[in-house]
N, C-alpha and C. Protein backbone atom coordinates (compact mmCIF):
# COMPACT_ATOMS: atom_id res chain seq x y z
N MET A 1 93.73 59.13 112.87
CA MET A 1 93.91 59.17 111.44
C MET A 1 93.08 60.28 110.81
N LYS A 2 91.79 60.38 111.30
CA LYS A 2 90.93 61.43 110.76
C LYS A 2 91.48 62.81 111.07
N ASN A 3 92.06 62.98 112.24
CA ASN A 3 92.62 64.25 112.65
C ASN A 3 93.77 64.67 111.74
N LYS A 4 94.63 63.70 111.37
CA LYS A 4 95.75 64.00 110.47
C LYS A 4 95.25 64.41 109.09
N ARG A 5 94.19 63.75 108.60
CA ARG A 5 93.61 64.12 107.30
C ARG A 5 93.03 65.52 107.35
N GLY A 6 92.36 65.83 108.46
CA GLY A 6 91.78 67.16 108.63
C GLY A 6 92.83 68.24 108.64
N ILE A 7 93.94 67.97 109.34
CA ILE A 7 95.04 68.93 109.39
C ILE A 7 95.67 69.07 108.00
N ALA A 8 95.88 67.96 107.31
CA ALA A 8 96.46 68.01 105.96
C ALA A 8 95.55 68.79 105.01
N ALA A 9 94.25 68.57 105.10
CA ALA A 9 93.29 69.30 104.25
C ALA A 9 93.33 70.79 104.57
N ALA A 10 93.40 71.12 105.85
CA ALA A 10 93.46 72.52 106.26
C ALA A 10 94.73 73.18 105.74
N VAL A 11 95.85 72.45 105.83
CA VAL A 11 97.13 72.98 105.32
C VAL A 11 97.04 73.22 103.82
N ILE A 12 96.46 72.30 103.09
CA ILE A 12 96.31 72.44 101.63
C ILE A 12 95.44 73.65 101.30
N VAL A 13 94.35 73.81 102.03
CA VAL A 13 93.46 74.96 101.80
C VAL A 13 94.20 76.26 102.10
N ILE A 14 94.92 76.29 103.20
CA ILE A 14 95.67 77.50 103.56
C ILE A 14 96.73 77.81 102.51
N LEU A 15 97.46 76.80 102.06
CA LEU A 15 98.47 77.01 101.01
C LEU A 15 97.83 77.50 99.72
N ALA A 16 96.70 76.93 99.37
CA ALA A 16 95.99 77.37 98.16
C ALA A 16 95.57 78.83 98.28
N LEU A 17 95.05 79.20 99.45
CA LEU A 17 94.65 80.59 99.67
C LEU A 17 95.85 81.53 99.63
N LEU A 18 96.95 81.12 100.22
CA LEU A 18 98.17 81.93 100.18
C LEU A 18 98.67 82.10 98.75
N LEU A 19 98.62 81.04 97.96
CA LEU A 19 99.04 81.13 96.56
C LEU A 19 98.13 82.07 95.77
N ILE A 20 96.83 81.94 95.98
CA ILE A 20 95.88 82.83 95.30
C ILE A 20 96.17 84.28 95.70
N TYR A 21 96.35 84.49 96.99
CA TYR A 21 96.64 85.84 97.48
C TYR A 21 97.93 86.37 96.87
N ARG A 22 98.98 85.55 96.89
CA ARG A 22 100.30 85.99 96.40
C ARG A 22 100.31 86.23 94.90
N PHE A 23 99.68 85.36 94.14
CA PHE A 23 99.81 85.44 92.68
C PHE A 23 98.61 86.07 91.99
N TYR A 24 97.55 86.36 92.73
CA TYR A 24 96.41 87.02 92.10
C TYR A 24 96.04 88.32 92.81
N VAL A 25 95.82 88.27 94.09
CA VAL A 25 95.34 89.44 94.82
C VAL A 25 96.42 90.51 94.91
N VAL A 26 97.61 90.16 95.36
CA VAL A 26 98.68 91.14 95.54
C VAL A 26 99.02 91.85 94.23
N PRO A 27 99.23 91.14 93.14
CA PRO A 27 99.53 91.86 91.89
C PRO A 27 98.43 92.82 91.46
N LYS A 28 97.18 92.43 91.64
CA LYS A 28 96.07 93.29 91.23
C LYS A 28 95.98 94.53 92.11
N VAL A 29 96.40 94.41 93.36
CA VAL A 29 96.41 95.56 94.26
C VAL A 29 97.59 96.47 93.93
N LEU A 30 98.75 95.87 93.71
CA LEU A 30 99.96 96.66 93.42
C LEU A 30 99.94 97.26 92.03
N TYR A 31 99.28 96.60 91.09
CA TYR A 31 99.25 97.04 89.69
C TYR A 31 97.80 97.13 89.22
N PRO A 32 97.07 98.13 89.71
CA PRO A 32 95.65 98.24 89.36
C PRO A 32 95.43 98.67 87.92
N VAL A 33 94.21 98.49 87.47
CA VAL A 33 93.81 98.93 86.13
C VAL A 33 92.58 99.86 86.24
N LYS A 34 92.72 100.84 87.09
CA LYS A 34 91.66 101.82 87.28
C LYS A 34 91.54 102.69 86.03
N TYR A 35 90.37 103.29 85.87
CA TYR A 35 90.10 104.20 84.75
C TYR A 35 90.21 103.49 83.40
N SER A 36 89.89 102.21 83.39
CA SER A 36 90.07 101.41 82.18
C SER A 36 89.22 101.91 81.01
N GLU A 37 88.06 102.51 81.29
CA GLU A 37 87.24 103.01 80.18
C GLU A 37 87.99 104.08 79.39
N TYR A 38 88.78 104.91 80.07
CA TYR A 38 89.54 105.95 79.39
C TYR A 38 90.85 105.40 78.81
N VAL A 39 91.50 104.55 79.56
CA VAL A 39 92.74 103.95 79.06
C VAL A 39 92.45 103.14 77.80
N ASP A 40 91.40 102.33 77.83
CA ASP A 40 91.04 101.54 76.65
C ASP A 40 90.75 102.44 75.46
N LYS A 41 89.93 103.45 75.67
CA LYS A 41 89.51 104.34 74.59
C LYS A 41 90.69 105.08 73.97
N TYR A 42 91.49 105.74 74.79
CA TYR A 42 92.54 106.60 74.25
C TYR A 42 93.80 105.84 73.86
N SER A 43 94.08 104.73 74.52
CA SER A 43 95.24 103.94 74.08
C SER A 43 94.96 103.36 72.69
N GLU A 44 93.72 102.98 72.45
CA GLU A 44 93.36 102.48 71.12
C GLU A 44 93.36 103.62 70.10
N GLU A 45 92.78 104.76 70.46
CA GLU A 45 92.71 105.89 69.53
C GLU A 45 94.09 106.35 69.08
N TYR A 46 95.05 106.33 70.00
CA TYR A 46 96.40 106.82 69.68
C TYR A 46 97.42 105.70 69.51
N ASP A 47 96.95 104.46 69.49
CA ASP A 47 97.82 103.30 69.28
C ASP A 47 99.00 103.29 70.26
N VAL A 48 98.65 103.37 71.53
CA VAL A 48 99.64 103.32 72.60
C VAL A 48 99.33 102.07 73.43
N ASP A 49 100.35 101.32 73.75
CA ASP A 49 100.19 100.10 74.54
C ASP A 49 99.55 100.43 75.89
N LYS A 50 98.47 99.73 76.23
CA LYS A 50 97.79 99.96 77.51
C LYS A 50 98.74 99.76 78.69
N LYS A 51 99.64 98.80 78.57
CA LYS A 51 100.59 98.56 79.66
C LYS A 51 101.42 99.81 79.91
N LEU A 52 101.79 100.50 78.84
CA LEU A 52 102.56 101.73 78.98
C LEU A 52 101.74 102.81 79.68
N VAL A 53 100.49 102.95 79.30
CA VAL A 53 99.63 103.96 79.92
C VAL A 53 99.47 103.68 81.41
N TYR A 54 99.15 102.44 81.75
CA TYR A 54 99.01 102.09 83.17
C TYR A 54 100.33 102.28 83.92
N ALA A 55 101.44 101.93 83.31
CA ALA A 55 102.74 102.10 83.95
C ALA A 55 103.04 103.57 84.20
N VAL A 56 102.73 104.43 83.23
CA VAL A 56 102.95 105.87 83.40
C VAL A 56 102.06 106.41 84.52
N ILE A 57 100.79 106.01 84.52
CA ILE A 57 99.89 106.47 85.59
C ILE A 57 100.40 106.03 86.95
N LYS A 58 100.82 104.77 87.06
CA LYS A 58 101.33 104.27 88.34
C LYS A 58 102.58 105.05 88.74
N ALA A 59 103.49 105.26 87.82
CA ALA A 59 104.74 105.96 88.13
C ALA A 59 104.51 107.43 88.44
N GLU A 60 103.61 108.05 87.72
CA GLU A 60 103.41 109.49 87.86
C GLU A 60 102.56 109.87 89.07
N SER A 61 101.45 109.19 89.28
CA SER A 61 100.51 109.64 90.32
C SER A 61 100.05 108.54 91.27
N GLY A 62 100.43 107.30 90.99
CA GLY A 62 99.91 106.21 91.82
C GLY A 62 98.39 106.11 91.75
N PHE A 63 97.82 106.51 90.61
CA PHE A 63 96.38 106.46 90.35
C PHE A 63 95.58 107.47 91.17
N ASP A 64 96.23 108.55 91.58
CA ASP A 64 95.56 109.63 92.32
C ASP A 64 95.26 110.77 91.34
N ALA A 65 93.99 110.88 90.95
CA ALA A 65 93.58 111.89 89.96
C ALA A 65 93.76 113.31 90.46
N SER A 66 93.84 113.51 91.76
CA SER A 66 93.99 114.86 92.31
C SER A 66 95.45 115.24 92.55
N ASN A 67 96.36 114.38 92.16
CA ASN A 67 97.79 114.59 92.41
C ASN A 67 98.30 115.84 91.69
N ARG A 68 99.16 116.59 92.39
CA ARG A 68 99.82 117.75 91.79
C ARG A 68 101.27 117.73 92.26
N SER A 69 102.19 117.79 91.30
CA SER A 69 103.61 117.73 91.66
C SER A 69 104.10 119.09 92.13
N ARG A 70 105.28 119.11 92.69
CA ARG A 70 105.88 120.37 93.14
C ARG A 70 106.16 121.29 91.96
N THR A 71 106.30 120.72 90.75
CA THR A 71 106.55 121.54 89.57
C THR A 71 105.26 121.99 88.88
N GLY A 72 104.12 121.48 89.37
CA GLY A 72 102.84 121.92 88.82
C GLY A 72 102.15 120.94 87.90
N ALA A 73 102.76 119.77 87.66
CA ALA A 73 102.12 118.75 86.82
C ALA A 73 100.88 118.25 87.54
N ARG A 74 99.85 117.90 86.75
CA ARG A 74 98.55 117.61 87.33
C ARG A 74 97.96 116.30 86.88
N GLY A 75 97.21 115.69 87.81
CA GLY A 75 96.38 114.56 87.48
C GLY A 75 97.10 113.23 87.36
N LEU A 76 96.38 112.28 86.83
CA LEU A 76 96.85 110.89 86.76
C LEU A 76 98.18 110.74 86.03
N MET A 77 98.30 111.40 84.87
CA MET A 77 99.50 111.24 84.06
C MET A 77 100.45 112.42 84.22
N GLN A 78 100.16 113.27 85.21
CA GLN A 78 101.02 114.40 85.57
C GLN A 78 101.38 115.26 84.34
N ILE A 79 100.36 115.85 83.79
CA ILE A 79 100.53 116.73 82.63
C ILE A 79 100.78 118.15 83.12
N MET A 80 101.79 118.80 82.58
CA MET A 80 102.05 120.20 82.89
C MET A 80 100.98 121.06 82.22
N PRO A 81 100.55 122.15 82.86
CA PRO A 81 99.52 122.99 82.27
C PRO A 81 99.84 123.48 80.85
N ASP A 82 101.09 123.88 80.58
CA ASP A 82 101.45 124.33 79.23
C ASP A 82 101.34 123.20 78.21
N THR A 83 101.77 122.02 78.60
CA THR A 83 101.65 120.86 77.71
C THR A 83 100.18 120.55 77.48
N GLY A 84 99.39 120.62 78.53
CA GLY A 84 97.95 120.38 78.41
C GLY A 84 97.29 121.36 77.46
N LYS A 85 97.64 122.64 77.58
CA LYS A 85 97.06 123.67 76.70
C LYS A 85 97.44 123.42 75.24
N TRP A 86 98.71 123.15 75.01
CA TRP A 86 99.21 122.88 73.66
C TRP A 86 98.52 121.66 73.06
N ALA A 87 98.46 120.58 73.83
CA ALA A 87 97.82 119.35 73.34
C ALA A 87 96.33 119.56 73.11
N ALA A 88 95.66 120.25 74.04
CA ALA A 88 94.21 120.47 73.92
C ALA A 88 93.87 121.23 72.64
N GLU A 89 94.73 122.17 72.27
CA GLU A 89 94.52 122.90 71.01
C GLU A 89 94.66 121.96 69.82
N LEU A 90 95.68 121.14 69.83
CA LEU A 90 95.94 120.25 68.70
C LEU A 90 94.90 119.14 68.55
N ILE A 91 94.40 118.63 69.68
CA ILE A 91 93.42 117.55 69.60
C ILE A 91 91.99 118.06 69.78
N GLU A 92 91.88 119.39 69.82
CA GLU A 92 90.58 120.07 69.81
C GLU A 92 89.68 119.69 70.98
N ILE A 93 90.21 119.86 72.18
CA ILE A 93 89.41 119.71 73.39
C ILE A 93 88.75 121.08 73.63
N ASP A 94 87.46 121.11 73.57
CA ASP A 94 86.71 122.37 73.70
C ASP A 94 86.76 122.92 75.12
N ASP A 95 86.84 124.23 75.20
CA ASP A 95 86.78 124.95 76.48
C ASP A 95 87.79 124.43 77.50
N TYR A 96 88.98 124.13 77.02
CA TYR A 96 90.03 123.60 77.88
C TYR A 96 90.42 124.62 78.96
N SER A 97 90.65 124.10 80.16
CA SER A 97 91.28 124.88 81.23
C SER A 97 92.22 123.93 81.96
N PRO A 98 93.28 124.47 82.59
CA PRO A 98 94.23 123.60 83.29
C PRO A 98 93.59 122.73 84.38
N ASP A 99 92.50 123.18 84.97
CA ASP A 99 91.83 122.36 85.99
C ASP A 99 91.26 121.07 85.40
N MET A 100 91.05 121.04 84.09
CA MET A 100 90.55 119.83 83.45
C MET A 100 91.57 118.70 83.52
N LEU A 101 92.83 119.03 83.81
CA LEU A 101 93.86 117.99 83.93
C LEU A 101 93.63 117.09 85.13
N TYR A 102 92.76 117.51 86.05
CA TYR A 102 92.39 116.66 87.19
C TYR A 102 91.26 115.70 86.83
N GLU A 103 90.64 115.88 85.68
CA GLU A 103 89.58 114.99 85.22
C GLU A 103 90.22 113.79 84.53
N PRO A 104 89.97 112.58 84.98
CA PRO A 104 90.61 111.41 84.38
C PRO A 104 90.44 111.33 82.86
N ASP A 105 89.27 111.61 82.35
CA ASP A 105 89.03 111.54 80.91
C ASP A 105 89.98 112.47 80.15
N THR A 106 90.02 113.72 80.54
CA THR A 106 90.87 114.70 79.84
C THR A 106 92.34 114.37 80.04
N ASN A 107 92.73 114.02 81.25
CA ASN A 107 94.13 113.75 81.55
C ASN A 107 94.64 112.56 80.75
N ILE A 108 93.89 111.49 80.73
CA ILE A 108 94.33 110.29 80.00
C ILE A 108 94.29 110.55 78.49
N HIS A 109 93.32 111.31 78.04
CA HIS A 109 93.25 111.68 76.61
C HIS A 109 94.53 112.41 76.20
N ILE A 110 94.87 113.45 76.94
CA ILE A 110 96.08 114.22 76.62
C ILE A 110 97.33 113.36 76.82
N GLY A 111 97.36 112.59 77.91
CA GLY A 111 98.53 111.75 78.18
C GLY A 111 98.79 110.73 77.09
N CYS A 112 97.74 110.08 76.61
CA CYS A 112 97.91 109.09 75.52
C CYS A 112 98.34 109.77 74.23
N TRP A 113 97.74 110.92 73.93
CA TRP A 113 98.16 111.66 72.73
C TRP A 113 99.64 112.03 72.83
N TYR A 114 100.05 112.52 74.01
CA TYR A 114 101.42 112.96 74.19
C TYR A 114 102.41 111.79 74.13
N LEU A 115 102.04 110.66 74.70
CA LEU A 115 102.91 109.49 74.58
C LEU A 115 103.08 109.09 73.12
N ARG A 116 102.00 109.10 72.35
CA ARG A 116 102.10 108.77 70.92
C ARG A 116 102.99 109.78 70.20
N TYR A 117 102.83 111.06 70.53
CA TYR A 117 103.65 112.12 69.95
C TYR A 117 105.13 111.85 70.21
N LEU A 118 105.46 111.52 71.46
CA LEU A 118 106.86 111.26 71.81
C LEU A 118 107.37 109.97 71.19
N LEU A 119 106.56 108.94 71.17
CA LEU A 119 106.99 107.69 70.54
C LEU A 119 107.23 107.89 69.05
N ASP A 120 106.39 108.68 68.41
CA ASP A 120 106.62 108.99 66.99
C ASP A 120 107.89 109.80 66.81
N MET A 121 108.09 110.78 67.67
CA MET A 121 109.26 111.65 67.57
C MET A 121 110.56 110.85 67.72
N TYR A 122 110.53 109.87 68.61
CA TYR A 122 111.75 109.10 68.90
C TYR A 122 111.69 107.70 68.30
N GLU A 123 110.93 107.55 67.23
CA GLU A 123 110.87 106.30 66.45
C GLU A 123 110.62 105.08 67.33
N ASP A 124 109.65 105.17 68.20
CA ASP A 124 109.24 104.10 69.10
C ASP A 124 110.33 103.65 70.08
N ASN A 125 111.30 104.50 70.30
CA ASN A 125 112.32 104.22 71.31
C ASN A 125 111.72 104.60 72.67
N MET A 126 111.19 103.60 73.35
CA MET A 126 110.45 103.86 74.58
C MET A 126 111.28 104.53 75.67
N PRO A 127 112.50 104.09 75.96
CA PRO A 127 113.26 104.77 77.01
C PRO A 127 113.48 106.26 76.71
N THR A 128 113.74 106.58 75.47
CA THR A 128 113.95 107.99 75.11
C THR A 128 112.64 108.77 75.22
N ALA A 129 111.55 108.17 74.75
CA ALA A 129 110.24 108.83 74.86
C ALA A 129 109.87 109.04 76.33
N LEU A 130 110.12 108.06 77.17
CA LEU A 130 109.82 108.20 78.60
C LEU A 130 110.71 109.26 79.25
N ALA A 131 111.96 109.33 78.84
CA ALA A 131 112.85 110.37 79.36
C ALA A 131 112.30 111.75 79.00
N ALA A 132 111.81 111.91 77.77
CA ALA A 132 111.23 113.18 77.35
C ALA A 132 109.94 113.47 78.10
N TYR A 133 109.15 112.43 78.35
CA TYR A 133 107.91 112.60 79.12
C TYR A 133 108.23 113.16 80.50
N ASN A 134 109.30 112.68 81.10
CA ASN A 134 109.66 113.07 82.46
C ASN A 134 110.47 114.37 82.51
N ALA A 135 111.47 114.50 81.67
CA ALA A 135 112.40 115.63 81.77
C ALA A 135 112.13 116.74 80.76
N GLY A 136 111.28 116.47 79.78
CA GLY A 136 110.96 117.47 78.77
C GLY A 136 111.72 117.25 77.47
N LEU A 137 111.07 117.69 76.41
CA LEU A 137 111.65 117.55 75.07
C LEU A 137 112.96 118.30 74.93
N GLY A 138 113.02 119.49 75.49
CA GLY A 138 114.23 120.31 75.36
C GLY A 138 115.44 119.63 75.95
N ASN A 139 115.28 119.06 77.14
CA ASN A 139 116.41 118.37 77.77
C ASN A 139 116.85 117.17 76.95
N VAL A 140 115.90 116.37 76.49
CA VAL A 140 116.26 115.17 75.73
C VAL A 140 116.92 115.57 74.41
N SER A 141 116.46 116.62 73.77
CA SER A 141 117.11 117.09 72.53
C SER A 141 118.57 117.45 72.79
N LYS A 142 118.84 118.13 73.89
CA LYS A 142 120.22 118.48 74.26
C LYS A 142 121.04 117.22 74.51
N TRP A 143 120.47 116.27 75.22
CA TRP A 143 121.20 115.04 75.55
C TRP A 143 121.51 114.24 74.30
N LEU A 144 120.55 114.17 73.38
CA LEU A 144 120.78 113.42 72.14
C LEU A 144 121.87 114.06 71.28
N ALA A 145 122.03 115.37 71.38
CA ALA A 145 123.04 116.08 70.60
C ALA A 145 124.42 116.04 71.25
N ASP A 146 124.50 115.50 72.45
CA ASP A 146 125.75 115.46 73.21
C ASP A 146 126.30 114.03 73.22
N GLY A 147 127.49 113.86 72.68
CA GLY A 147 128.13 112.54 72.60
C GLY A 147 128.34 111.88 73.95
N GLU A 148 128.33 112.65 75.01
CA GLU A 148 128.47 112.08 76.34
C GLU A 148 127.23 111.26 76.73
N TYR A 149 126.08 111.61 76.15
CA TYR A 149 124.83 110.97 76.52
C TYR A 149 124.23 110.11 75.42
N SER A 150 124.65 110.37 74.17
CA SER A 150 124.11 109.61 73.03
C SER A 150 125.20 109.41 72.00
N SER A 151 125.48 108.15 71.69
CA SER A 151 126.54 107.85 70.72
C SER A 151 126.06 108.00 69.27
N ASP A 152 124.75 107.95 69.06
CA ASP A 152 124.23 108.01 67.69
C ASP A 152 123.26 109.16 67.42
N GLY A 153 122.96 109.96 68.44
CA GLY A 153 122.04 111.07 68.27
C GLY A 153 120.57 110.67 68.25
N ASN A 154 120.29 109.38 68.40
CA ASN A 154 118.91 108.89 68.38
C ASN A 154 118.52 108.18 69.66
N THR A 155 119.49 107.60 70.34
CA THR A 155 119.25 106.79 71.53
C THR A 155 120.05 107.35 72.69
N LEU A 156 119.42 107.43 73.84
CA LEU A 156 120.14 107.87 75.03
C LEU A 156 120.92 106.70 75.60
N ASP A 157 122.24 106.86 75.67
CA ASP A 157 123.09 105.85 76.30
C ASP A 157 123.16 106.10 77.80
N ASN A 158 123.10 107.36 78.17
CA ASN A 158 123.13 107.78 79.57
C ASN A 158 122.12 108.90 79.75
N ILE A 159 121.49 108.92 80.90
CA ILE A 159 120.57 109.99 81.24
C ILE A 159 121.19 110.76 82.39
N PRO A 160 121.49 112.04 82.17
CA PRO A 160 122.21 112.79 83.20
C PRO A 160 121.41 113.15 84.44
N TYR A 161 120.10 113.12 84.36
CA TYR A 161 119.27 113.39 85.53
C TYR A 161 118.95 112.07 86.21
N GLY A 162 119.42 111.91 87.43
CA GLY A 162 119.16 110.69 88.18
C GLY A 162 117.68 110.40 88.33
N GLU A 163 116.88 111.44 88.59
CA GLU A 163 115.44 111.26 88.75
C GLU A 163 114.82 110.71 87.46
N THR A 164 115.26 111.23 86.32
CA THR A 164 114.72 110.77 85.03
C THR A 164 115.17 109.35 84.74
N GLU A 165 116.41 109.04 85.02
CA GLU A 165 116.91 107.68 84.81
C GLU A 165 116.10 106.68 85.64
N LYS A 166 115.85 107.01 86.90
CA LYS A 166 115.06 106.13 87.76
C LYS A 166 113.62 106.04 87.26
N TYR A 167 113.07 107.14 86.79
CA TYR A 167 111.71 107.15 86.27
C TYR A 167 111.57 106.20 85.07
N VAL A 168 112.51 106.27 84.15
CA VAL A 168 112.48 105.41 82.96
C VAL A 168 112.57 103.94 83.39
N GLU A 169 113.51 103.63 84.25
CA GLU A 169 113.67 102.24 84.73
C GLU A 169 112.41 101.75 85.44
N LYS A 170 111.87 102.58 86.32
CA LYS A 170 110.68 102.21 87.09
C LYS A 170 109.48 102.00 86.18
N THR A 171 109.28 102.88 85.22
CA THR A 171 108.13 102.78 84.34
C THR A 171 108.22 101.53 83.46
N ILE A 172 109.38 101.23 82.96
CA ILE A 172 109.56 100.01 82.16
C ILE A 172 109.34 98.77 83.03
N LYS A 173 109.80 98.81 84.28
CA LYS A 173 109.56 97.70 85.20
C LYS A 173 108.06 97.53 85.44
N TYR A 174 107.35 98.62 85.62
CA TYR A 174 105.90 98.55 85.81
C TYR A 174 105.22 97.94 84.58
N MET A 175 105.67 98.32 83.40
CA MET A 175 105.10 97.73 82.17
C MET A 175 105.27 96.21 82.17
N GLU A 176 106.45 95.77 82.56
CA GLU A 176 106.72 94.34 82.60
C GLU A 176 105.80 93.64 83.60
N LYS A 177 105.54 94.28 84.72
CA LYS A 177 104.63 93.70 85.72
C LYS A 177 103.21 93.63 85.17
N TYR A 178 102.75 94.68 84.51
CA TYR A 178 101.41 94.64 83.90
C TYR A 178 101.33 93.53 82.87
N ASP A 179 102.38 93.34 82.12
CA ASP A 179 102.41 92.27 81.12
C ASP A 179 102.33 90.91 81.80
N ARG A 180 103.00 90.76 82.91
CA ARG A 180 103.02 89.50 83.63
C ARG A 180 101.68 89.17 84.28
N TYR A 181 101.03 90.18 84.86
CA TYR A 181 99.85 89.92 85.68
C TYR A 181 98.51 90.01 84.96
N TYR A 182 98.50 90.53 83.74
CA TYR A 182 97.22 90.70 83.04
C TYR A 182 97.26 90.05 81.68
N ASP A 183 96.48 88.98 81.52
CA ASP A 183 96.41 88.26 80.25
C ASP A 183 95.72 89.07 79.17
N GLU A 184 94.78 89.95 79.57
CA GLU A 184 93.97 90.66 78.59
C GLU A 184 94.71 91.74 77.82
N PHE A 185 95.96 92.00 78.19
CA PHE A 185 96.74 93.01 77.45
C PHE A 185 97.36 92.31 76.30
């Protein structure tokens, strides 16, 4: 009888550990909140949802501050050097250089500012703002002006670049996961 109780207790402990691992450890590993001091600071300064910032970082670089894309985008939020220079002038980052895009503080600062800029431009239409973040303002402007991609000129009904369409879907999915796994947001 004692042996059966011991086995039952062990099974309960193992199940509890598996549940903790599945519902707490795995999500925190898959959806980290690294660089929170910068995300907190700049998401608040520019009124951008932290979940969005973390989702963009996860989608763009997988939290690798040294990441550089084949097109030249740099750092956590994959900022292009020209975008970085333009933003740094507007938000008055002193002594800016493109290498600063590898610094988490500068990268997240510019990335949060740019997300706010795009959200304002597209009236808080997140999918359209994310499409512009990924494919560029010029492309999204063309798509919005084309009835094949936008029925109202304000919302993208279709995204002609498969990579951008997947990026938007993936980033929104990541936001939903951050919302699910983190009560503090």
